């Protein structure tokens, strides 16, 4: 029996994380760029206001003129002018500072998030198409048939699931879990039909109906041995 890697989810997850990280990076870059634009806008508005409004006092008219020069409507209602000390050496000297006063949500709303949104949508689409594949890695494989114990499923060499009846699947699981892939008739009967005194005929029919399924999907054979046992053999054995 050998191990084979099937449908690993790691590459899909790596691409998903990369797309998501790129989307976040683009969103942050766009946010910062918009914040700089808003700061430049309010500073320019203050410069224009001071050039037009020659007064030594700040009043409601000053604020109205200042806000009228701001290009972003969403910033106009929150923008204000602050008085700040210009330098530590001159406590009496103050300067006018333009402040946007808008929230982070407003900055995000004004920023261009089309690229980040597109990348996020691609990440989600990628994960829906590839990431939801059940990870089946390093599965026990024999004769082109792989067994996933956690799901109690068998897969052919092309990755498709091989359908067994409940009894057939139980028997195949016993073969795969046996170190030498060999089971006595007593072991099989005790596990599948514990209350039946003689299940030899029932076992014979089960094996007979299982063989065509294995022939169709695998290169495995179930061989009856002279010591009242059955052995699952792969190609070349």
C-alpha atoms as a PDB file:
ATOM      1  CA  UNK A   1       0.000   0.000   0.000  1.00  0.00           C
ATOM      2  CA  UNK A   2       1.312   3.483  -0.779  1.00  0.00           C
ATOM      3  CA  UNK A   3       0.385   7.060   0.030  1.00  0.00           C
ATOM      4  CA  UNK A   4      -0.724   9.564  -2.575  1.00  0.00           C
ATOM      5  CA  UNK A   5      -1.606  13.219  -2.278  1.00  0.00           C
ATOM      6  CA  UNK A   6      -5.080  13.995  -3.647  1.00  0.00           C
ATOM      7  CA  UNK A   7      -6.814  17.353  -4.020  1.00  0.00           C
ATOM      8  CA  UNK A   8      -4.760  19.213  -1.402  1.00  0.00           C
ATOM      9  CA  UNK A   9      -6.495  22.335  -0.164  1.00  0.00           C
ATOM     10  CA  UNK A  10      -3.199  24.124   0.585  1.00  0.00           C
ATOM     11  CA  UNK A  11      -2.694  25.721  -2.878  1.00  0.00           C
ATOM     12  CA  UNK A  12      -6.286  26.963  -2.944  1.00  0.00           C
ATOM     13  CA  UNK A  13      -5.915  28.418   0.534  1.00  0.00           C
ATOM     14  CA  UNK A  14      -2.618  30.103  -0.395  1.00  0.00           C
ATOM     15  CA  UNK A  15      -4.192  31.825  -3.417  1.00  0.00           C
ATOM     16  CA  UNK A  16      -7.210  32.853  -1.306  1.00  0.00           C
ATOM     17  CA  UNK A  17      -4.999  34.405   1.390  1.00  0.00           C
ATOM     18  CA  UNK A  18      -2.859  36.157  -1.252  1.00  0.00           C
ATOM     19  CA  UNK A  19      -5.908  37.689  -2.951  1.00  0.00           C
ATOM     20  CA  UNK A  20      -7.388  38.722   0.381  1.00  0.00           C
ATOM     21  CA  UNK A  21      -4.117  40.272   1.566  1.00  0.00           C
ATOM     22  CA  UNK A  22      -3.740  42.159  -1.729  1.00  0.00           C
ATOM     23  CA  UNK A  23      -7.320  43.405  -1.382  1.00  0.00           C
ATOM     24  CA  UNK A  24      -6.611  44.674   2.132  1.00  0.00           C
ATOM     25  CA  UNK A  25      -3.384  46.348   1.017  1.00  0.00           C
ATOM     26  CA  UNK A  26      -5.194  48.086  -1.843  1.00  0.00           C
ATOM     27  CA  UNK A  27      -7.956  49.227   0.516  1.00  0.00           C
ATOM     28  CA  UNK A  28      -5.472  50.732   2.989  1.00  0.00           C
ATOM     29  CA  UNK A  29      -3.491  52.439   0.217  1.00  0.00           C
ATOM     30  CA  UNK A  30      -6.656  53.960  -1.243  1.00  0.00           C
ATOM     31  CA  UNK A  31      -7.783  55.107   2.212  1.00  0.00           C
ATOM     32  CA  UNK A  32      -4.456  56.811   2.924  1.00  0.00           C
ATOM     33  CA  UNK A  33      -4.419  58.472  -0.495  1.00  0.00           C
ATOM     34  CA  UNK A  34      -7.919  59.852   0.070  1.00  0.00           C
ATOM     35  CA  UNK A  35      -6.990  61.086   3.538  1.00  0.00           C
ATOM     36  CA  UNK A  36      -4.056  63.017   2.050  1.00  0.00           C
ATOM     37  CA  UNK A  37      -6.377  64.501  -0.585  1.00  0.00           C
ATOM     38  CA  UNK A  38      -8.829  65.651   2.078  1.00  0.00           C
ATOM     39  CA  UNK A  39      -6.043  67.230   4.153  1.00  0.00           C
ATOM     40  CA  UNK A  40      -4.705  69.020   1.088  1.00  0.00           C
ATOM     41  CA  UNK A  41      -8.237  70.164   0.215  1.00  0.00           C
ATOM     42  CA  UNK A  42      -8.931  71.772   3.591  1.00  0.00           C
ATOM     43  CA  UNK A  43      -5.501  73.424   3.705  1.00  0.00           C
ATOM     44  CA  UNK A  44      -6.094  74.888   0.268  1.00  0.00           C
ATOM     45  CA  UNK A  45      -9.547  76.055   1.367  1.00  0.00           C
ATOM     46  CA  UNK A  46      -8.053  77.831   4.392  1.00  0.00           C
ATOM     47  CA  UNK A  47      -5.435  79.523   2.225  1.00  0.00           C
ATOM     48  CA  UNK A  48      -8.149  80.810  -0.129  1.00  0.00           C
ATOM     49  CA  UNK A  49     -10.278  81.941   2.808  1.00  0.00           C
ATOM     50  CA  UNK A  50      -7.484  83.958   4.373  1.00  0.00           C
ATOM     51  CA  UNK A  51      -6.709  85.542   1.004  1.00  0.00           C
ATOM     52  CA  UNK A  52     -10.345  86.624   0.527  1.00  0.00           C
ATOM     53  CA  UNK A  53     -11.397  87.301   4.113  1.00  0.00           C
ATOM     54  CA  UNK A  54      -9.031  89.982   5.402  1.00  0.00           C
ATOM     55  CA  UNK A  55      -9.947  90.007   9.057  1.00  0.00           C
ATOM     56  CA  UNK A  56      -8.170  89.535  12.373  1.00  0.00           C
ATOM     57  CA  UNK A  57     -11.126  87.702  13.871  1.00  0.00           C
ATOM     58  CA  UNK A  58     -12.767  84.370  13.180  1.00  0.00           C
ATOM     59  CA  UNK A  59     -16.511  84.362  12.934  1.00  0.00           C
ATOM     60  CA  UNK A  60     -19.340  82.397  11.359  1.00  0.00           C
ATOM     61  CA  UNK A  61     -18.757  84.135   8.041  1.00  0.00           C
ATOM     62  CA  UNK A  62     -15.116  83.001   8.048  1.00  0.00           C
ATOM     63  CA  UNK A  63     -16.169  79.408   8.603  1.00  0.00           C
ATOM     64  CA  UNK A  64     -18.808  79.703   5.877  1.00  0.00           C
ATOM     65  CA  UNK A  65     -16.277  80.967   3.343  1.00  0.00           C
ATOM     66  CA  UNK A  66     -13.785  78.306   4.408  1.00  0.00           C
ATOM     67  CA  UNK A  67     -16.269  75.494   3.935  1.00  0.00           C
ATOM     68  CA  UNK A  68     -17.424  76.849   0.585  1.00  0.00           C
ATOM     69  CA  UNK A  69     -13.923  76.314  -0.806  1.00  0.00           C
ATOM     70  CA  UNK A  70     -13.851  72.634   0.169  1.00  0.00           C
ATOM     71  CA  UNK A  71     -14.488  70.444  -2.871  1.00  0.00           C
ATOM     72  CA  UNK A  72     -15.862  67.389  -1.024  1.00  0.00           C
ATOM     73  CA  UNK A  73     -19.496  67.907   0.075  1.00  0.00           C
ATOM     74  CA  UNK A  74     -19.177  65.246   2.786  1.00  0.00           C
ATOM     75  CA  UNK A  75     -16.267  67.125   4.365  1.00  0.00           C
ATOM     76  CA  UNK A  76     -17.849  70.595   4.331  1.00  0.00           C
ATOM     77  CA  UNK A  77     -20.218  69.940   7.242  1.00  0.00           C
ATOM     78  CA  UNK A  78     -17.481  68.672   9.554  1.00  0.00           C
ATOM     79  CA  UNK A  79     -14.520  70.858   8.567  1.00  0.00           C
ATOM     80  CA  UNK A  80     -13.407  73.526  11.032  1.00  0.00           C
ATOM     81  CA  UNK A  81     -10.559  75.926  11.739  1.00  0.00           C
ATOM     82  CA  UNK A  82      -8.462  75.475  14.870  1.00  0.00           C
ATOM     83  CA  UNK A  83      -6.095  77.798  16.686  1.00  0.00           C
ATOM     84  CA  UNK A  84      -2.798  76.232  17.673  1.00  0.00           C
ATOM     85  CA  UNK A  85       0.383  77.478  19.264  1.00  0.00           C
ATOM     86  CA  UNK A  86       2.928  78.019  16.509  1.00  0.00           C
ATOM     87  CA  UNK A  87       6.149  77.467  18.461  1.00  0.00           C
ATOM     88  CA  UNK A  88       7.240  76.711  22.008  1.00  0.00           C
ATOM     89  CA  UNK A  89       9.448  79.848  22.119  1.00  0.00           C
ATOM     90  CA  UNK A  90       6.473  82.129  21.549  1.00  0.00           C
ATOM     91  CA  UNK A  91       3.548  81.291  23.795  1.00  0.00           C
ATOM     92  CA  UNK A  92       1.510  84.223  22.466  1.00  0.00           C
ATOM     93  CA  UNK A  93       1.878  83.257  18.839  1.00  0.00           C
ATOM     94  CA  UNK A  94      -0.841  81.049  17.396  1.00  0.00           C
ATOM     95  CA  UNK A  95      -1.592  79.855  13.916  1.00  0.00           C
ATOM     96  CA  UNK A  96      -4.722  78.794  12.081  1.00  0.00           C
ATOM     97  CA  UNK A  97      -4.961  75.127  11.208  1.00  0.00           C
ATOM     98  CA  UNK A  98      -7.445  73.604   8.774  1.00  0.00           C
ATOM     99  CA  UNK A  99      -9.091  70.434  10.063  1.00  0.00           C
ATOM    100  CA  UNK A 100     -11.375  68.116   8.104  1.00  0.00           C
ATOM    101  CA  UNK A 101     -13.095  66.730  11.203  1.00  0.00           C
ATOM    102  CA  UNK A 102     -14.549  63.829   9.221  1.00  0.00           C
ATOM    103  CA  UNK A 103     -14.708  60.261  10.493  1.00  0.00           C
ATOM    104  CA  UNK A 104     -12.732  57.288   9.192  1.00  0.00           C
ATOM    105  CA  UNK A 105     -15.973  55.962   7.709  1.00  0.00           C
ATOM    106  CA  UNK A 106     -16.321  59.145   5.636  1.00  0.00           C
ATOM    107  CA  UNK A 107     -12.746  58.867   4.392  1.00  0.00           C
ATOM    108  CA  UNK A 108     -13.366  55.234   3.474  1.00  0.00           C
ATOM    109  CA  UNK A 109     -16.579  56.177   1.688  1.00  0.00           C
ATOM    110  CA  UNK A 110     -14.812  58.841  -0.358  1.00  0.00           C
ATOM    111  CA  UNK A 111     -11.859  56.609  -1.231  1.00  0.00           C
ATOM    112  CA  UNK A 112     -11.823  54.524  -4.387  1.00  0.00           C
ATOM    113  CA  UNK A 113     -12.254  50.939  -3.211  1.00  0.00           C
ATOM    114  CA  UNK A 114     -13.127  49.403  -6.576  1.00  0.00           C
ATOM    115  CA  UNK A 115      -9.824  47.581  -6.912  1.00  0.00           C
ATOM    116  CA  UNK A 116      -9.895  46.223  -3.359  1.00  0.00           C
ATOM    117  CA  UNK A 117     -13.522  45.192  -3.807  1.00  0.00           C
ATOM    118  CA  UNK A 118     -12.709  43.391  -7.035  1.00  0.00           C
ATOM    119  CA  UNK A 119      -9.833  41.532  -5.395  1.00  0.00           C
ATOM    120  CA  UNK A 120     -12.003  40.585  -2.417  1.00  0.00           C
ATOM    121  CA  UNK A 121     -14.693  39.297  -4.777  1.00  0.00           C
ATOM    122  CA  UNK A 122     -12.096  37.259  -6.675  1.00  0.00           C
ATOM    123  CA  UNK A 123     -10.825  35.815  -3.384  1.00  0.00           C
ATOM    124  CA  UNK A 124     -14.339  34.780  -2.370  1.00  0.00           C
ATOM    125  CA  UNK A 125     -15.080  33.325  -5.804  1.00  0.00           C
ATOM    126  CA  UNK A 126     -11.790  31.418  -5.800  1.00  0.00           C
ATOM    127  CA  UNK A 127     -12.510  29.923  -2.387  1.00  0.00           C
ATOM    128  CA  UNK A 128     -16.050  28.940  -3.350  1.00  0.00           C
ATOM    129  CA  UNK A 129     -14.775  27.203  -6.488  1.00  0.00           C
ATOM    130  CA  UNK A 130     -11.663  25.533  -5.110  1.00  0.00           C
ATOM    131  CA  UNK A 131     -11.327  25.901  -1.364  1.00  0.00           C
ATOM    132  CA  UNK A 132     -14.434  23.917  -0.498  1.00  0.00           C
ATOM    133  CA  UNK A 133     -12.970  20.776  -2.013  1.00  0.00           C
ATOM    134  CA  UNK A 134     -12.645  18.229   0.754  1.00  0.00           C
ATOM    135  CA  UNK A 135      -8.940  17.919   1.574  1.00  0.00           C
ATOM    136  CA  UNK A 136      -7.906  14.343   0.932  1.00  0.00           C
ATOM    137  CA  UNK A 137      -4.165  14.221   1.456  1.00  0.00           C
ATOM    138  CA  UNK A 138      -1.856  11.292   1.902  1.00  0.00           C
ATOM    139  CA  UNK A 139      -4.617   8.716   1.546  1.00  0.00           C
ATOM    140  CA  UNK A 140      -3.873   5.006   1.785  1.00  0.00           C
ATOM    141  CA  UNK A 141      -3.874   3.819  -1.823  1.00  0.00           C
ATOM    142  CA  UNK A 142      -3.819   0.342  -3.311  1.00  0.00           C
ATOM    143  CA  UNK A 143      -4.446  -0.817  -6.845  1.00  0.00           C
ATOM    144  CA  UNK A 144      -5.724   2.607  -7.894  1.00  0.00           C
ATOM    145  CA  UNK A 145      -8.176   2.805  -4.980  1.00  0.00           C
ATOM    146  CA  UNK A 146      -7.732   5.348  -2.165  1.00  0.00           C
ATOM    147  CA  UNK A 147      -9.443   5.231   1.193  1.00  0.00           C
ATOM    148  CA  UNK A 148     -10.347   8.220   3.352  1.00  0.00           C
ATOM    149  CA  UNK A 149     -11.108   6.898   6.809  1.00  0.00           C
ATOM    150  CA  UNK A 150     -12.542  10.151   8.208  1.00  0.00           C
ATOM    151  CA  UNK A 151     -15.240  10.195   5.522  1.00  0.00           C
ATOM    152  CA  UNK A 152     -15.528   6.416   5.064  1.00  0.00           C
ATOM    153  CA  UNK A 153     -15.138   6.989   1.328  1.00  0.00           C
ATOM    154  CA  UNK A 154     -13.184   5.315  -1.463  1.00  0.00           C
ATOM    155  CA  UNK A 155     -11.817   7.152  -4.504  1.00  0.00           C
ATOM    156  CA  UNK A 156     -10.663   5.893  -7.871  1.00  0.00           C
ATOM    157  CA  UNK A 157      -7.409   6.991  -9.491  1.00  0.00           C
ATOM    158  CA  UNK A 158      -9.185   9.876 -11.275  1.00  0.00           C
ATOM    159  CA  UNK A 159     -10.469  11.263  -7.954  1.00  0.00           C
ATOM    160  CA  UNK A 160     -14.093  10.184  -8.388  1.00  0.00           C
ATOM    161  CA  UNK A 161     -15.813   8.449  -5.519  1.00  0.00           C
ATOM    162  CA  UNK A 162     -16.386   4.709  -5.878  1.00  0.00           C
ATOM    163  CA  UNK A 163     -19.835   3.691  -4.698  1.00  0.00           C
ATOM    164  CA  UNK A 164     -20.151   0.531  -2.615  1.00  0.00           C
ATOM    165  CA  UNK A 165     -23.099  -0.904  -0.774  1.00  0.00           C
ATOM    166  CA  UNK A 166     -22.816  -0.591   3.024  1.00  0.00           C
ATOM    167  CA  UNK A 167     -21.701  -4.230   3.342  1.00  0.00           C
ATOM    168  CA  UNK A 168     -19.202  -3.900   0.487  1.00  0.00           C
ATOM    169  CA  UNK A 169     -17.773  -0.719   1.977  1.00  0.00           C
ATOM    170  CA  UNK A 170     -17.461  -2.365   5.385  1.00  0.00           C
ATOM    171  CA  UNK A 171     -15.578  -5.296   3.894  1.00  0.00           C
ATOM    172  CA  UNK A 172     -13.272  -3.002   1.896  1.00  0.00           C
ATOM    173  CA  UNK A 173     -12.519  -0.981   5.014  1.00  0.00           C
ATOM    174  CA  UNK A 174     -11.571  -4.194   6.805  1.00  0.00           C
ATOM    175  CA  UNK A 175      -9.222  -5.137   3.963  1.00  0.00           C
ATOM    176  CA  UNK A 176      -7.597  -1.690   3.926  1.00  0.00           C
ATOM    177  CA  UNK A 177      -7.158  -1.665   7.706  1.00  0.00           C
ATOM    178  CA  UNK A 178      -5.637  -5.141   7.791  1.00  0.00           C
ATOM    179  CA  UNK A 179      -1.798  -4.942   7.762  1.00  0.00           C
ATOM    180  CA  UNK A 180      -1.449  -7.738   5.163  1.00  0.00           C
ATOM    181  CA  UNK A 181      -4.853  -7.126   3.516  1.00  0.00           C
ATOM    182  CA  UNK A 182      -5.878 -10.638   4.455  1.00  0.00           C
ATOM    183  CA  UNK A 183      -9.001 -11.618   6.440  1.00  0.00           C
ATOM    184  CA  UNK A 184     -10.300 -14.977   7.587  1.00  0.00           C
ATOM    185  CA  UNK A 185     -13.881 -15.929   6.860  1.00  0.00           C
ATOM    186  CA  UNK A 186     -14.497 -16.005  10.598  1.00  0.00           C
ATOM    187  CA  UNK A 187     -13.238 -12.403  11.021  1.00  0.00           C
ATOM    188  CA  UNK A 188     -15.462 -11.149   8.227  1.00  0.00           C
ATOM    189  CA  UNK A 189     -18.553 -13.035   9.366  1.00  0.00           C
ATOM    190  CA  UNK A 190     -18.117 -11.976  13.001  1.00  0.00           C
ATOM    191  CA  UNK A 191     -17.920  -8.332  11.958  1.00  0.00           C
ATOM    192  CA  UNK A 192     -20.642  -8.259   9.283  1.00  0.00           C
ATOM    193  CA  UNK A 193     -23.093 -10.854  10.602  1.00  0.00           C
ATOM    194  CA  UNK A 194     -22.296 -11.353  14.300  1.00  0.00           C
ATOM    195  CA  UNK A 195     -25.520 -13.220  15.084  1.00  0.00           C
ATOM    196  CA  UNK A 196     -25.439 -15.621  12.149  1.00  0.00           C
ATOM    197  CA  UNK A 197     -24.071 -19.135  12.902  1.00  0.00           C
ATOM    198  CA  UNK A 198     -22.936 -19.864   9.341  1.00  0.00           C
ATOM    199  CA  UNK A 199     -22.480 -16.903   6.981  1.00  0.00           C
ATOM    200  CA  UNK A 200     -20.241 -18.609   4.419  1.00  0.00           C
ATOM    201  CA  UNK A 201     -22.847 -18.489   1.621  1.00  0.00           C
ATOM    202  CA  UNK A 202     -23.718 -14.875   2.406  1.00  0.00           C
ATOM    203  CA  UNK A 203     -20.034 -13.976   2.368  1.00  0.00           C
ATOM    204  CA  UNK A 204     -19.538 -15.764  -0.937  1.00  0.00           C
ATOM    205  CA  UNK A 205     -22.359 -13.739  -2.528  1.00  0.00           C
ATOM    206  CA  UNK A 206     -20.990 -10.493  -1.087  1.00  0.00           C
ATOM    207  CA  UNK A 207     -17.527 -11.131  -2.519  1.00  0.00           C
ATOM    208  CA  UNK A 208     -18.971 -12.210  -5.883  1.00  0.00           C
ATOM    209  CA  UNK A 209     -20.915  -8.960  -6.219  1.00  0.00           C
ATOM    210  CA  UNK A 210     -17.979  -6.866  -5.038  1.00  0.00           C
ATOM    211  CA  UNK A 211     -15.518  -8.196  -7.609  1.00  0.00           C
ATOM    212  CA  UNK A 212     -17.165  -6.521 -10.676  1.00  0.00           C
ATOM    213  CA  UNK A 213     -17.124  -3.156  -8.891  1.00  0.00           C
ATOM    214  CA  UNK A 214     -13.396  -3.498  -8.217  1.00  0.00           C
ATOM    215  CA  UNK A 215     -12.765  -4.624 -11.805  1.00  0.00           C
ATOM    216  CA  UNK A 216     -14.526  -1.516 -13.112  1.00  0.00           C
ATOM    217  CA  UNK A 217     -12.711   1.072 -11.003  1.00  0.00           C
ATOM    218  CA  UNK A 218      -9.473  -0.529  -9.814  1.00  0.00           C
ATOM    219  CA  UNK A 219      -6.852  -3.172 -10.484  1.00  0.00           C
ATOM    220  CA  UNK A 220      -7.659  -4.960  -7.221  1.00  0.00           C
ATOM    221  CA  UNK A 221      -8.665  -8.595  -6.867  1.00  0.00           C
ATOM    222  CA  UNK A 222     -10.197 -10.498  -3.975  1.00  0.00           C
ATOM    223  CA  UNK A 223      -8.595 -13.945  -3.886  1.00  0.00           C
ATOM    224  CA  UNK A 224      -9.985 -16.890  -1.926  1.00  0.00           C
ATOM    225  CA  UNK A 225      -7.188 -18.780  -0.159  1.00  0.00           C
ATOM    226  CA  UNK A 226      -7.002 -22.434   0.873  1.00  0.00           C
ATOM    227  CA  UNK A 227      -6.836 -21.516   4.569  1.00  0.00           C
ATOM    228  CA  UNK A 228     -10.453 -20.238   4.638  1.00  0.00           C
ATOM    229  CA  UNK A 229      -9.412 -16.622   4.170  1.00  0.00           C
ATOM    230  CA  UNK A 230      -9.673 -13.887   1.569  1.00  0.00           C
ATOM    231  CA  UNK A 231      -6.897 -11.598   0.404  1.00  0.00           C
ATOM    232  CA  UNK A 232      -7.123  -8.235  -1.343  1.00  0.00           C
ATOM    233  CA  UNK A 233      -4.405  -8.043  -3.954  1.00  0.00           C
ATOM    234  CA  UNK A 234      -3.221  -5.195  -6.100  1.00  0.00           C
ATOM    235  CA  UNK A 235      -1.827  -5.376  -9.613  1.00  0.00           C
ATOM    236  CA  UNK A 236       1.471  -7.210  -9.759  1.00  0.00           C
ATOM    237  CA  UNK A 237       0.949  -9.202  -6.571  1.00  0.00           C
END
